[in-house]
Amino acid sequence: MRSILSALVLLGLSAAPALAGPDEDFGTRYRGTVETREGDVLTLRLRAGGTAAIRMNDTTRLLTAAPATVRDIKPESYVSALSVPECGTARRAEAVTIYAPDLRGWFSGHRSWDTMPDAALTGGWIGDLSGDDPRRVVLNYEGGTKTVTVAADTKATQITRGEKALLIAGAEVTAFVAPDEAGKPVAEIIAVGRRGAVPSL
């Protein structure tokens, strides 16, 4: 399995867009609530049922998802929209994620996603943005563009850099897991919610 980090812009690097295509491998995604953390092993109560022990290492990247609103989307924003088909080729956002300036380029492109049937995740720069409700948001990324409608009550979060100290019991988490160089599964990316937020990735 190819490394997730080969498809994403690494934290601390320039804000150039990631070059991942729609069929890029993003590893296995685990979504759930933190039960315990013992050292570098995180135990999650999965939303789909059951539990999973997620191993971290020195290269695991931590992100924080905090509450935001649709009005926080600005012309200069970089966002990803989790959307479903609406009418014809139109898509309706179920959730949007607004990225901090140093994370712009993450999840660039348009690809199917596993949160619900027919869902897709589109990451890109704002090409056009209406002020109406629902807002019409045009996302530009390398090789394409997508338009999604975003209602005022759409779930929104702001993604910034995170730290392991936020991985406390009850926190909501999405973990991207792939084999390391030794072939052992390890979390390459963990997004953890704070102030009641649930990562929408």
Protein backbone atom coordinates (compact mmCIF):
# COMPACT_ATOMS: atom_id res chain seq x y z
CA MET A 1 0.00 0.00 0.00
CA ARG A 2 1.36 3.40 -0.89
CA SER A 3 1.97 5.80 1.94
CA ILE A 4 -0.80 8.29 2.66
CA LEU A 5 1.79 10.98 3.12
CA SER A 6 2.95 10.56 -0.48
CA ALA A 7 -0.51 11.78 -1.49
CA LEU A 8 -0.81 14.68 0.93
CA VAL A 9 1.10 17.87 1.57
CA LEU A 10 3.25 17.30 4.64
CA LEU A 11 2.81 19.58 7.61
CA GLY A 12 5.44 22.28 7.65
CA LEU A 13 6.04 22.22 3.91
CA SER A 14 4.85 24.75 1.38
CA ALA A 15 1.15 25.19 0.64
CA ALA A 16 1.41 23.80 -2.88
CA PRO A 17 -1.49 21.53 -3.86
CA ALA A 18 -1.24 17.80 -3.32
CA LEU A 19 -0.98 15.85 -6.55
CA ALA A 20 -3.26 12.99 -5.52
CA GLY A 21 -5.72 11.74 -8.10
CA PRO A 22 -9.30 10.59 -7.47
CA ASP A 23 -8.18 6.96 -7.10
CA GLU A 24 -5.25 7.70 -4.76
CA ASP A 25 -4.82 5.34 -1.83
CA PHE A 26 -5.63 7.02 1.49
CA GLY A 27 -5.26 3.94 3.66
CA THR A 28 -7.88 2.54 6.01
CA ARG A 29 -9.99 5.07 7.86
CA TYR A 30 -11.13 4.44 11.43
CA ARG A 31 -13.74 6.75 12.94
CA GLY A 32 -14.72 6.64 16.57
CA THR A 33 -14.40 7.90 20.11
CA VAL A 34 -11.24 7.64 22.19
CA GLU A 35 -11.59 5.10 24.99
CA THR A 36 -8.00 5.05 26.22
CA ARG A 37 -4.52 6.09 25.24
CA GLU A 38 -1.57 4.18 26.62
CA GLY A 39 1.67 5.57 25.29
CA ASP A 40 1.50 5.39 21.52
CA VAL A 41 -1.50 3.03 21.39
CA LEU A 42 -4.92 4.61 21.00
CA THR A 43 -8.05 2.52 21.59
CA LEU A 44 -11.15 3.70 19.74
CA ARG A 45 -14.79 2.79 20.17
CA LEU A 46 -15.72 2.68 16.49
CA ARG A 47 -18.88 4.33 15.19
CA ALA A 48 -19.47 1.23 13.07
CA GLY A 49 -19.29 -0.95 16.19
CA GLY A 50 -16.51 -2.67 18.07
CA THR A 51 -13.12 -1.29 19.04
CA ALA A 52 -9.76 -0.81 17.36
CA ALA A 53 -6.25 -0.33 18.74
CA ILE A 54 -4.46 2.32 16.66
CA ARG A 55 -0.68 2.49 16.87
CA MET A 56 1.12 5.83 16.51
CA ASN A 57 4.79 6.56 15.90
CA ASP A 58 7.10 9.57 15.55
CA THR A 59 5.81 10.33 12.04
CA THR A 60 2.09 10.32 12.92
CA ARG A 61 0.58 13.69 12.00
CA LEU A 62 -1.98 15.17 14.41
CA LEU A 63 -4.73 17.52 13.27
CA THR A 64 -7.36 19.31 15.35
CA ALA A 65 -10.95 19.85 14.18
CA ALA A 66 -12.77 22.71 15.93
CA PRO A 67 -16.32 23.99 15.38
CA ALA A 68 -16.81 26.48 12.52
CA THR A 69 -19.69 27.86 10.44
CA VAL A 70 -20.39 28.06 6.74
CA ARG A 71 -19.88 31.83 6.98
CA ASP A 72 -16.25 31.15 7.87
CA ILE A 73 -15.67 30.14 4.24
CA LYS A 74 -13.99 33.12 2.58
CA PRO A 75 -12.83 33.78 -1.01
CA GLU A 76 -9.25 32.98 0.03
CA SER A 77 -10.17 29.74 1.86
CA TYR A 78 -9.01 26.24 1.06
CA VAL A 79 -11.70 23.70 1.93
CA SER A 80 -12.81 20.13 1.43
CA ALA A 81 -16.48 19.36 0.96
CA LEU A 82 -18.04 16.00 1.76
CA SER A 83 -20.95 15.90 -0.68
CA VAL A 84 -23.70 13.70 -2.14
CA PRO A 85 -25.55 13.94 -5.47
CA GLU A 86 -28.43 16.39 -5.50
CA CYS A 87 -29.99 16.92 -8.94
CA GLY A 88 -28.34 16.01 -12.21
CA THR A 89 -24.63 16.75 -11.86
CA ALA A 90 -25.12 19.04 -8.86
CA ARG A 91 -23.78 18.03 -5.45
CA ARG A 92 -24.90 19.03 -1.95
CA ALA A 93 -22.41 19.36 0.88
CA GLU A 94 -23.08 17.28 3.98
CA ALA A 95 -20.03 18.72 5.74
CA VAL A 96 -17.22 21.15 4.98
CA THR A 97 -13.72 21.39 6.41
CA ILE A 98 -11.81 24.69 6.35
CA TYR A 99 -8.03 24.30 6.48
CA ALA A 100 -5.53 26.55 8.21
CA PRO A 101 -3.19 28.38 5.79
CA ASP A 102 -0.30 25.99 6.46
CA LEU A 103 -2.49 22.98 5.61
CA ARG A 104 -3.80 24.21 2.26
CA GLY A 105 -3.44 21.50 -0.35
CA TRP A 106 -4.57 18.59 1.83
CA PHE A 107 -6.97 16.16 0.12
CA SER A 108 -6.81 18.15 -3.12
CA GLY A 109 -8.97 16.69 -5.89
CA HIS A 110 -12.29 14.88 -6.17
CA ARG A 111 -12.69 11.27 -5.05
CA SER A 112 -15.30 8.86 -3.71
CA TRP A 113 -15.45 8.69 0.09
CA ASP A 114 -16.67 6.03 2.49
CA THR A 115 -18.88 7.95 4.91
CA MET A 116 -22.16 7.27 3.06
CA PRO A 117 -23.43 5.90 -0.28
CA ASP A 118 -22.44 8.01 -3.31
CA ALA A 119 -20.41 10.35 -1.10
CA ALA A 120 -17.39 12.20 -2.48
CA LEU A 121 -14.70 14.36 -0.93
CA THR A 122 -13.58 17.38 -2.92
CA GLY A 123 -10.66 19.48 -1.78
CA GLY A 124 -9.72 22.73 -3.47
CA TRP A 125 -9.35 26.48 -3.50
CA ILE A 126 -12.39 28.72 -3.73
CA GLY A 127 -12.99 29.62 -7.37
CA ASP A 128 -16.34 31.28 -6.78
CA LEU A 129 -18.49 31.83 -3.71
CA SER A 130 -22.05 33.13 -3.53
CA GLY A 131 -23.51 34.88 -0.51
CA ASP A 132 -26.91 33.22 -0.79
CA ASP A 133 -28.37 30.36 1.24
CA PRO A 134 -27.53 27.77 0.14
CA ARG A 135 -24.15 29.11 -0.87
CA ARG A 136 -22.78 28.05 -4.23
CA VAL A 137 -19.15 27.06 -3.78
CA VAL A 138 -16.84 26.36 -6.72
CA LEU A 139 -13.73 24.39 -5.76
CA ASN A 140 -10.69 24.43 -8.05
CA TYR A 141 -7.99 21.77 -7.89
CA GLU A 142 -5.31 20.53 -10.23
CA GLY A 143 -7.01 18.96 -13.23
CA GLY A 144 -10.59 19.95 -12.45
CA THR A 145 -13.30 21.89 -10.69
CA LYS A 146 -16.47 20.99 -8.80
CA THR A 147 -19.46 23.00 -7.68
CA VAL A 148 -21.31 22.18 -4.47
CA THR A 149 -24.21 23.84 -2.68
CA VAL A 150 -23.67 24.49 1.01
CA ALA A 151 -26.67 25.29 3.21
CA ALA A 152 -26.23 27.61 6.19
CA ASP A 153 -26.75 24.76 8.66
CA THR A 154 -24.20 22.44 7.04
CA LYS A 155 -21.75 20.95 9.54
CA ALA A 156 -18.46 22.86 9.36
CA THR A 157 -15.12 22.41 11.08
CA GLN A 158 -11.78 24.24 11.06
CA ILE A 159 -8.67 22.08 10.75
CA THR A 160 -5.37 23.15 12.33
CA ARG A 161 -2.27 21.37 13.59
CA GLY A 162 -2.89 19.18 16.63
CA GLU A 163 -1.05 17.39 19.41
CA LYS A 164 -1.33 14.06 21.22
CA ALA A 165 -2.45 15.79 24.41
CA LEU A 166 -5.88 16.20 22.78
CA LEU A 167 -6.33 12.43 22.50
CA ILE A 168 -8.33 12.11 25.70
CA ALA A 169 -11.22 9.82 26.55
CA GLY A 170 -14.40 10.92 24.77
CA ALA A 171 -12.68 12.82 21.95
CA GLU A 172 -13.95 12.11 18.44
CA VAL A 173 -11.29 10.88 16.03
CA THR A 174 -10.69 9.93 12.41
CA ALA A 175 -7.47 7.93 11.94
CA PHE A 176 -5.84 7.14 8.59
CA VAL A 177 -3.89 3.90 8.95
CA ALA A 178 -1.44 2.28 6.52
CA PRO A 179 1.53 -0.11 6.79
CA ASP A 180 4.85 1.44 7.76
CA GLU A 181 8.18 0.50 6.19
CA ALA A 182 8.20 -2.71 8.22
CA GLY A 183 4.71 -3.62 7.04
CA LYS A 184 3.04 -2.93 10.39
CA PRO A 185 -0.14 -0.81 10.46
CA VAL A 186 0.39 2.65 11.91
CA ALA A 187 -1.64 5.85 12.01
CA GLU A 188 -0.16 8.30 9.54
CA ILE A 189 -2.82 10.97 10.18
CA ILE A 190 -5.15 11.45 13.15
CA ALA A 191 -7.76 14.20 13.21
CA VAL A 192 -9.16 14.78 16.70
CA GLY A 193 -12.18 16.94 17.53
CA ARG A 194 -12.17 19.55 20.26
CA ARG A 195 -14.94 21.64 21.84
CA GLY A 196 -17.44 18.99 20.78
CA ALA A 197 -16.44 18.90 17.12
CA VAL A 198 -16.46 15.66 15.10
CA PRO A 199 -13.95 15.45 12.22
CA SER A 200 -15.88 15.06 8.97
CA LEU A 201 -13.07 13.38 7.03
